[in-house]
Amino acid sequence: MYRTHRESPAPRAAFTRRESSAFTLIELLVVIAIIAILAAILFPVFAQAREKARGAACLSNNKQISAAVMMYAQDYDETYPKAAAPYYCVNYPTTTRNYCSWQGQILPYVKSIDIFKCPSGTYEATYVAKDGKTYADIYNGHYAVNQVFGYTTFNAVTIASLERPADIVFSIDADASGGNFTTRPFWWTYLRPAGYYQPADRHNGGNNISFADGHAKWLSAKESRRCSRWYFEGGAYTFAEDRATNANMPAVCD
């Protein structure tokens, strides 16, 4: 018998497809467009979240300020700190005058000077005090005290003299452009440079405020400026006196 020999067919050449790992121009443009869209959506969200956190930290500062004011009052015959007291402390940025700012008066009752700086505030400065040392300026541009609580020569306001301490502003977010440490409604319509002695309105269109009864909360710009929150009987300034000097003020204190 003859054995037939079948030759195996030659193996076919394997078909290989060249795969490329590089993006085409169109694919790259699509990816860039998606990233841009996501950034446009997420960045404002992140910014809002960051500002919300700063606003919460600022409100915490005001709560600590309120608590410090109450402790000060307990030690000083139930009287509030003045905008400036007639004695020297290093927290008043001067080398000549004998004044102590309201922040300096309550400083012994706080844990850190950082509570006098709003996290959203932009004012940053230093000054040389009478002792020749350089200090961070906590006096201006972050929180402003209600001027109706008086200055050096005015009698100190007592807690008992306030009929509505829960409604009376003690301190408020201050506009940084004016280098403010104090304010009252008189200045808000007075012809001065922009930001001069103005509330800041920097937290969601409103301000964090410490009140005369020791609590703190946020109020809108409009509510922050309600005249009746600022003037009170026995204060250093009255609405009638201020309006007599500044006719741009409202006719009635609401």
Protein backbone atom coordinates (compact mmCIF):
# COMPACT_ATOMS: atom_id res chain seq x y z
CA MET A 1 0.00 0.00 0.00
CA TYR A 2 1.06 3.32 -0.75
CA ARG A 3 0.67 5.88 1.97
CA THR A 4 -0.30 9.22 0.61
CA HIS A 5 1.30 12.19 2.11
CA ARG A 6 -0.85 15.30 2.46
CA GLU A 7 1.04 18.36 2.91
CA SER A 8 -0.34 20.68 5.48
CA PRO A 9 -1.37 23.93 3.98
CA ALA A 10 0.97 26.77 4.64
CA PRO A 11 -0.13 28.78 7.66
CA ARG A 12 -1.92 31.93 6.80
CA ALA A 13 -0.24 35.11 7.73
CA ALA A 14 -1.85 36.46 10.88
CA PHE A 15 -3.66 39.72 10.20
CA THR A 16 -2.53 42.26 12.71
CA ARG A 17 -4.12 45.67 13.21
CA ARG A 18 -1.86 48.45 14.22
CA GLU A 19 -3.34 50.01 17.27
CA SER A 20 -2.47 53.55 18.15
CA SER A 21 -2.56 54.89 21.71
CA ALA A 22 -2.47 58.54 20.64
CA PHE A 23 -5.56 60.80 20.69
CA THR A 24 -6.77 62.25 17.49
CA LEU A 25 -7.16 66.01 17.34
CA ILE A 26 -10.95 65.73 17.51
CA GLU A 27 -10.81 63.46 20.56
CA LEU A 28 -8.43 65.87 22.27
CA LEU A 29 -10.71 68.83 21.57
CA VAL A 30 -13.70 66.91 22.95
CA VAL A 31 -11.81 66.14 26.18
CA ILE A 32 -10.77 69.78 26.54
CA ALA A 33 -14.35 70.92 25.99
CA ILE A 34 -15.65 68.51 28.65
CA ILE A 35 -13.03 69.70 31.14
CA ALA A 36 -13.93 73.32 30.43
CA ILE A 37 -17.63 72.63 30.97
CA LEU A 38 -16.96 70.81 34.24
CA ALA A 39 -14.69 73.64 35.41
CA ALA A 40 -17.36 76.23 34.61
CA ILE A 41 -19.87 74.24 36.66
CA LEU A 42 -17.67 73.26 39.60
CA PHE A 43 -15.45 76.30 40.19
CA PRO A 44 -18.35 78.56 41.28
CA VAL A 45 -19.57 75.75 43.54
CA PHE A 46 -16.12 75.46 45.12
CA ALA A 47 -15.92 79.24 45.49
CA GLN A 48 -19.32 79.35 47.17
CA ALA A 49 -18.35 76.51 49.50
CA ARG A 50 -15.12 78.29 50.41
CA GLU A 51 -16.93 81.57 51.08
CA LYS A 52 -19.55 79.76 53.14
CA ALA A 53 -16.78 78.31 55.29
CA ARG A 54 -15.19 81.74 55.66
CA GLY A 55 -18.56 83.24 56.58
CA ALA A 56 -18.99 80.58 59.27
CA ALA A 57 -15.52 81.34 60.65
CA CYS A 58 -16.33 85.05 60.64
CA LEU A 59 -19.57 84.43 62.53
CA SER A 60 -17.58 82.41 65.07
CA ASN A 61 -15.27 85.43 65.47
CA ASN A 62 -18.26 87.64 66.18
CA LYS A 63 -19.61 85.21 68.76
CA GLN A 64 -16.26 85.32 70.54
CA ILE A 65 -16.23 89.11 70.34
CA SER A 66 -19.73 89.20 71.87
CA ALA A 67 -18.66 86.90 74.68
CA ALA A 68 -15.56 89.03 75.34
CA VAL A 69 -17.68 92.21 75.46
CA MET A 70 -19.96 90.62 78.05
CA MET A 71 -16.99 89.56 80.19
CA TYR A 72 -15.53 93.06 79.91
CA ALA A 73 -18.87 94.52 81.02
CA GLN A 74 -18.95 92.28 84.08
CA ASP A 75 -15.53 93.57 85.14
CA TYR A 76 -16.30 97.25 84.43
CA ASP A 77 -19.53 97.99 86.27
CA GLU A 78 -21.81 96.63 83.55
CA THR A 79 -20.51 99.11 80.95
CA TYR A 80 -19.59 98.47 77.33
CA PRO A 81 -16.19 99.15 75.77
CA LYS A 82 -15.94 102.46 73.91
CA ALA A 83 -14.74 102.82 70.34
CA ALA A 84 -11.56 104.21 71.88
CA ALA A 85 -10.65 104.51 75.57
CA PRO A 86 -8.55 107.36 77.05
CA TYR A 87 -5.48 105.29 77.82
CA TYR A 88 -2.77 103.70 75.71
CA CYS A 89 -2.55 100.12 74.53
CA VAL A 90 -0.41 98.75 71.72
CA ASN A 91 -3.48 97.82 69.68
CA TYR A 92 -4.05 101.48 68.81
CA PRO A 93 -1.83 102.25 65.78
CA THR A 94 -0.10 105.40 66.99
CA THR A 95 3.21 106.50 68.43
CA THR A 96 1.86 109.70 69.97
CA ARG A 97 -1.73 109.38 71.23
CA ASN A 98 -2.86 107.73 74.45
CA TYR A 99 -5.78 105.71 73.11
CA CYS A 100 -6.83 102.10 73.30
CA SER A 101 -9.13 100.70 70.61
CA TRP A 102 -12.22 98.69 71.42
CA GLN A 103 -10.34 95.59 70.29
CA GLY A 104 -7.54 96.36 72.75
CA GLN A 105 -10.02 96.83 75.58
CA ILE A 106 -11.47 93.34 75.18
CA LEU A 107 -8.22 91.65 74.15
CA PRO A 108 -7.62 90.21 77.67
CA TYR A 109 -10.88 88.27 77.26
CA VAL A 110 -10.04 86.53 73.96
CA LYS A 111 -7.68 83.68 73.15
CA SER A 112 -6.14 85.19 70.03
CA ILE A 113 -6.04 88.47 68.12
CA ASP A 114 -6.99 86.44 65.05
CA ILE A 115 -10.67 86.72 66.01
CA PHE A 116 -10.45 90.39 64.99
CA LYS A 117 -9.65 89.40 61.40
CA CYS A 118 -12.44 88.34 59.07
CA PRO A 119 -11.30 85.41 56.88
CA SER A 120 -12.87 87.15 53.87
CA GLY A 121 -11.35 90.52 54.72
CA THR A 122 -8.63 91.90 52.47
CA TYR A 123 -7.14 94.58 54.71
CA GLU A 124 -3.58 93.79 55.76
CA ALA A 125 -1.22 96.29 57.38
CA THR A 126 1.36 96.70 60.12
CA TYR A 127 2.35 99.65 62.28
CA VAL A 128 5.04 100.64 64.72
CA ALA A 129 3.75 101.24 68.25
CA LYS A 130 5.14 103.43 71.03
CA ASP A 131 7.38 100.61 72.21
CA GLY A 132 9.12 100.64 68.83
CA LYS A 133 7.83 97.17 67.90
CA THR A 134 5.90 96.31 64.74
CA TYR A 135 2.41 94.87 65.12
CA ALA A 136 -0.25 93.51 62.79
CA ASP A 137 -3.07 96.04 62.41
CA ILE A 138 -6.21 94.48 63.91
CA TYR A 139 -7.66 97.95 64.43
CA ASN A 140 -8.85 98.71 60.89
CA GLY A 141 -10.66 97.11 58.01
CA HIS A 142 -12.17 93.92 59.48
CA TYR A 143 -14.76 94.69 62.16
CA ALA A 144 -16.18 98.10 63.06
CA VAL A 145 -17.77 99.01 66.39
CA ASN A 146 -20.99 101.03 66.61
CA GLN A 147 -19.89 104.64 67.22
CA VAL A 148 -23.00 105.31 69.29
CA PHE A 149 -21.22 103.47 72.13
CA GLY A 150 -18.95 106.51 72.33
CA TYR A 151 -15.35 107.64 72.35
CA THR A 152 -12.90 108.70 75.01
CA THR A 153 -14.77 111.70 76.40
CA PHE A 154 -18.26 110.18 76.39
CA ASN A 155 -19.78 108.43 79.36
CA ALA A 156 -19.67 104.66 79.04
CA VAL A 157 -22.96 103.03 78.04
CA THR A 158 -24.39 100.65 80.64
CA ILE A 159 -26.13 97.39 79.89
CA ALA A 160 -29.11 98.46 82.00
CA SER A 161 -29.62 101.60 79.88
CA LEU A 162 -30.41 99.62 76.74
CA GLU A 163 -34.08 98.75 76.30
CA ARG A 164 -33.43 96.40 73.36
CA PRO A 165 -29.86 95.04 73.68
CA ALA A 166 -30.71 92.04 71.47
CA ASP A 167 -31.49 94.44 68.61
CA ILE A 168 -28.57 96.86 69.01
CA VAL A 169 -25.45 96.35 66.88
CA PHE A 170 -22.19 96.39 68.78
CA SER A 171 -19.82 95.50 65.93
CA ILE A 172 -20.16 94.59 62.25
CA ASP A 173 -18.12 93.54 59.21
CA ALA A 174 -16.16 96.61 58.08
CA ASP A 175 -15.29 97.70 54.56
CA ALA A 176 -11.54 97.35 54.07
CA SER A 177 -11.16 100.20 51.59
CA GLY A 178 -11.84 102.84 54.22
CA GLY A 179 -9.57 101.34 56.86
CA ASN A 180 -12.54 101.35 59.20
CA PHE A 181 -12.71 100.45 62.88
CA THR A 182 -16.02 102.13 63.68
CA THR A 183 -19.24 103.19 61.92
CA ARG A 184 -22.78 104.51 62.33
CA PRO A 185 -25.63 105.49 59.94
CA PHE A 186 -24.40 109.08 59.71
CA TRP A 187 -21.51 108.01 57.47
CA TRP A 188 -23.42 105.82 55.07
CA THR A 189 -24.82 108.75 53.08
CA TYR A 190 -22.10 111.26 53.90
CA LEU A 191 -20.07 112.56 50.96
CA ARG A 192 -16.84 110.71 51.55
CA PRO A 193 -14.68 108.32 49.48
CA ALA A 194 -16.22 104.97 48.58
CA GLY A 195 -16.15 102.54 51.49
CA TYR A 196 -15.56 105.25 54.08
CA TYR A 197 -16.90 104.01 57.42
CA GLN A 198 -19.14 101.52 55.63
CA PRO A 199 -20.26 97.97 56.52
CA ALA A 200 -18.67 95.44 54.20
CA ASP A 201 -21.64 93.35 52.97
CA ARG A 202 -19.09 90.67 52.13
CA HIS A 203 -20.91 87.52 53.23
CA ASN A 204 -23.62 86.54 50.76
CA GLY A 205 -24.66 90.17 50.42
CA GLY A 206 -24.81 90.75 54.16
CA ASN A 207 -22.82 91.06 57.37
CA ASN A 208 -21.98 89.11 60.47
CA ILE A 209 -22.84 91.14 63.54
CA SER A 210 -22.23 90.99 67.27
CA PHE A 211 -25.11 92.39 69.31
CA ALA A 212 -25.21 94.21 72.63
CA ASP A 213 -26.83 91.30 74.47
CA GLY A 214 -23.94 88.94 73.66
CA HIS A 215 -25.29 86.99 70.66
CA ALA A 216 -24.14 87.15 67.04
CA LYS A 217 -25.82 86.45 63.72
CA TRP A 218 -25.85 87.25 60.00
CA LEU A 219 -28.12 89.94 58.58
CA SER A 220 -28.71 91.11 55.03
CA ALA A 221 -27.24 94.45 53.93
CA LYS A 222 -30.64 96.11 54.30
CA GLU A 223 -31.34 94.70 57.75
CA SER A 224 -27.78 95.48 58.85
CA ARG A 225 -28.43 99.15 58.10
CA ARG A 226 -31.79 99.43 59.81
CA CYS A 227 -31.44 102.70 61.71
CA SER A 228 -33.16 101.46 64.87
CA ARG A 229 -30.42 98.84 65.30
CA TRP A 230 -27.82 101.58 65.78
CA TYR A 231 -29.23 104.45 67.82
CA PHE A 232 -30.41 104.12 71.39
CA GLU A 233 -31.26 106.39 74.28
CA GLY A 234 -28.18 107.50 76.20
CA GLY A 235 -25.84 106.86 73.27
CA ALA A 236 -23.03 109.19 72.23
CA TYR A 237 -24.93 110.25 69.09
CA THR A 238 -28.61 110.61 68.32
CA PHE A 239 -30.43 110.22 65.03
CA ALA A 240 -31.83 113.76 65.25
CA GLU A 241 -28.39 115.31 65.79
CA ASP A 242 -26.85 113.30 62.97
CA ARG A 243 -29.59 114.14 60.51
CA ALA A 244 -29.28 117.81 61.34
CA THR A 245 -25.69 117.59 60.10
CA ASN A 246 -26.29 115.16 57.23
CA ALA A 247 -29.51 115.88 55.32
CA ASN A 248 -28.92 112.83 53.12
CA MET A 249 -29.99 110.56 55.95
CA PRO A 250 -33.56 109.21 55.90
CA ALA A 251 -36.21 111.47 57.38
CA VAL A 252 -37.30 108.79 59.85
CA CYS A 253 -35.25 106.26 61.78
CA ASP A 254 -36.99 102.97 61.00
